C-alpha atoms as a PDB file:
ATOM      1  CA  UNK A   1       0.357   0.092   0.190  1.00  0.00           C
ATOM      2  CA  UNK A   2       1.358   3.703  -1.048  1.00  0.00           C
ATOM      3  CA  UNK A   3       0.481   6.488   0.415  1.00  0.00           C
ATOM      4  CA  UNK A   4       0.490  10.470  -0.637  1.00  0.00           C
ATOM      5  CA  UNK A   5       0.110  12.332   1.771  1.00  0.00           C
ATOM      6  CA  UNK A   6       0.522  16.766   1.328  1.00  0.00           C
ATOM      7  CA  UNK A   7       2.637  17.848   3.870  1.00  0.00           C
ATOM      8  CA  UNK A   8       2.164  21.864   4.555  1.00  0.00           C
ATOM      9  CA  UNK A   9       4.990  22.509   6.545  1.00  0.00           C
ATOM     10  CA  UNK A  10       3.895  25.842   9.288  1.00  0.00           C
ATOM     11  CA  UNK A  11       5.217  29.209   7.405  1.00  0.00           C
ATOM     12  CA  UNK A  12       7.070  32.070   9.997  1.00  0.00           C
ATOM     13  CA  UNK A  13       3.752  34.593   8.394  1.00  0.00           C
ATOM     14  CA  UNK A  14       1.077  35.303  10.663  1.00  0.00           C
ATOM     15  CA  UNK A  15      -2.225  34.874   9.410  1.00  0.00           C
ATOM     16  CA  UNK A  16      -1.542  32.557   6.447  1.00  0.00           C
ATOM     17  CA  UNK A  17      -1.204  29.470   6.473  1.00  0.00           C
ATOM     18  CA  UNK A  18       1.122  26.986   3.334  1.00  0.00           C
ATOM     19  CA  UNK A  19      -2.424  25.841   1.999  1.00  0.00           C
ATOM     20  CA  UNK A  20      -3.769  29.570   2.271  1.00  0.00           C
ATOM     21  CA  UNK A  21      -0.490  30.421   0.444  1.00  0.00           C
ATOM     22  CA  UNK A  22       0.272  28.227  -1.785  1.00  0.00           C
ATOM     23  CA  UNK A  23      -4.295  28.285  -3.389  1.00  0.00           C
ATOM     24  CA  UNK A  24      -2.968  32.576  -3.652  1.00  0.00           C
ATOM     25  CA  UNK A  25      -0.185  30.838  -6.016  1.00  0.00           C
ATOM     26  CA  UNK A  26      -3.079  29.148  -8.175  1.00  0.00           C
ATOM     27  CA  UNK A  27      -5.190  31.598  -8.327  1.00  0.00           C
ATOM     28  CA  UNK A  28      -2.749  33.562  -9.496  1.00  0.00           C
ATOM     29  CA  UNK A  29      -2.051  34.401 -13.586  1.00  0.00           C
ATOM     30  CA  UNK A  30       1.295  34.225 -12.830  1.00  0.00           C
ATOM     31  CA  UNK A  31       4.563  32.280 -11.051  1.00  0.00           C
ATOM     32  CA  UNK A  32       4.437  34.644  -8.625  1.00  0.00           C
ATOM     33  CA  UNK A  33       1.446  36.055  -6.033  1.00  0.00           C
ATOM     34  CA  UNK A  34       1.570  38.621  -2.961  1.00  0.00           C
ATOM     35  CA  UNK A  35       0.381  36.352   0.029  1.00  0.00           C
ATOM     36  CA  UNK A  36       1.682  38.939   3.050  1.00  0.00           C
ATOM     37  CA  UNK A  37       3.354  42.124   3.884  1.00  0.00           C
ATOM     38  CA  UNK A  38       5.087  43.270   7.104  1.00  0.00           C
ATOM     39  CA  UNK A  39       6.380  46.039   7.752  1.00  0.00           C
ATOM     40  CA  UNK A  40       8.891  46.780   4.491  1.00  0.00           C
ATOM     41  CA  UNK A  41       9.345  43.721   3.345  1.00  0.00           C
ATOM     42  CA  UNK A  42       6.221  42.145   1.662  1.00  0.00           C
ATOM     43  CA  UNK A  43       6.369  37.491   1.234  1.00  0.00           C
ATOM     44  CA  UNK A  44       5.659  35.982  -2.285  1.00  0.00           C
ATOM     45  CA  UNK A  45       5.744  32.539  -3.254  1.00  0.00           C
ATOM     46  CA  UNK A  46       6.818  30.906  -6.730  1.00  0.00           C
ATOM     47  CA  UNK A  47       5.875  28.405  -8.528  1.00  0.00           C
ATOM     48  CA  UNK A  48       8.614  27.145 -11.429  1.00  0.00           C
ATOM     49  CA  UNK A  49       8.685  23.942 -12.679  1.00  0.00           C
ATOM     50  CA  UNK A  50      11.993  21.863 -12.439  1.00  0.00           C
ATOM     51  CA  UNK A  51      11.349  23.952  -8.885  1.00  0.00           C
ATOM     52  CA  UNK A  52       7.982  23.257  -7.078  1.00  0.00           C
ATOM     53  CA  UNK A  53       7.270  25.932  -5.022  1.00  0.00           C
ATOM     54  CA  UNK A  54       9.294  28.318  -2.760  1.00  0.00           C
ATOM     55  CA  UNK A  55       8.712  31.086  -0.041  1.00  0.00           C
ATOM     56  CA  UNK A  56      10.982  33.739  -0.930  1.00  0.00           C
ATOM     57  CA  UNK A  57      10.932  37.007   1.387  1.00  0.00           C
ATOM     58  CA  UNK A  58      12.248  40.290   0.371  1.00  0.00           C
ATOM     59  CA  UNK A  59      12.485  43.725   1.341  1.00  0.00           C
ATOM     60  CA  UNK A  60      11.309  45.919  -1.426  1.00  0.00           C
ATOM     61  CA  UNK A  61      13.982  47.798  -2.407  1.00  0.00           C
ATOM     62  CA  UNK A  62      17.136  46.682  -0.755  1.00  0.00           C
ATOM     63  CA  UNK A  63      19.596  44.697  -2.369  1.00  0.00           C
ATOM     64  CA  UNK A  64      18.663  40.803  -2.787  1.00  0.00           C
ATOM     65  CA  UNK A  65      15.137  41.907  -4.055  1.00  0.00           C
ATOM     66  CA  UNK A  66      17.658  45.038  -7.003  1.00  0.00           C
ATOM     67  CA  UNK A  67      20.007  41.152  -7.991  1.00  0.00           C
ATOM     68  CA  UNK A  68      16.602  39.127  -8.669  1.00  0.00           C
ATOM     69  CA  UNK A  69      14.937  41.924 -10.699  1.00  0.00           C
ATOM     70  CA  UNK A  70      18.131  42.726 -12.754  1.00  0.00           C
ATOM     71  CA  UNK A  71      18.309  39.043 -12.770  1.00  0.00           C
ATOM     72  CA  UNK A  72      14.932  38.593 -14.038  1.00  0.00           C
ATOM     73  CA  UNK A  73      15.440  41.273 -16.532  1.00  0.00           C
ATOM     74  CA  UNK A  74      19.056  38.956 -17.868  1.00  0.00           C
ATOM     75  CA  UNK A  75      17.327  35.976 -18.311  1.00  0.00           C
ATOM     76  CA  UNK A  76      13.805  38.047 -20.334  1.00  0.00           C
ATOM     77  CA  UNK A  77      16.287  40.053 -22.906  1.00  0.00           C
ATOM     78  CA  UNK A  78      18.653  36.299 -23.233  1.00  0.00           C
ATOM     79  CA  UNK A  79      15.979  33.646 -23.517  1.00  0.00           C
ATOM     80  CA  UNK A  80      19.333  31.130 -25.153  1.00  0.00           C
ATOM     81  CA  UNK A  81      19.905  31.831 -20.898  1.00  0.00           C
ATOM     82  CA  UNK A  82      16.471  31.754 -20.149  1.00  0.00           C
ATOM     83  CA  UNK A  83      16.443  28.502 -21.742  1.00  0.00           C
ATOM     84  CA  UNK A  84      18.871  26.245 -20.990  1.00  0.00           C
ATOM     85  CA  UNK A  85      18.426  28.072 -16.602  1.00  0.00           C
ATOM     86  CA  UNK A  86      15.232  27.015 -16.541  1.00  0.00           C
ATOM     87  CA  UNK A  87      16.666  23.242 -17.575  1.00  0.00           C
END
């Protein structure tokens, strides 16, 4: 007998469960959904075909946020690199 049970780990965010966060992502037209705001930081949940569902915490306009935006823009303007990255 094989049982397949989904496991939703607790999130380090008050007021939203992992199951609710995943539901927000599934309702989104994008592969990213904002799930919470705490002060000047925003929590996002993202999905990708090869990495599953990931939770990210970014401080808006912080260094990491800006680096992610630059990397996203680089991939968008370089389709061959983007294809290789997503394999």
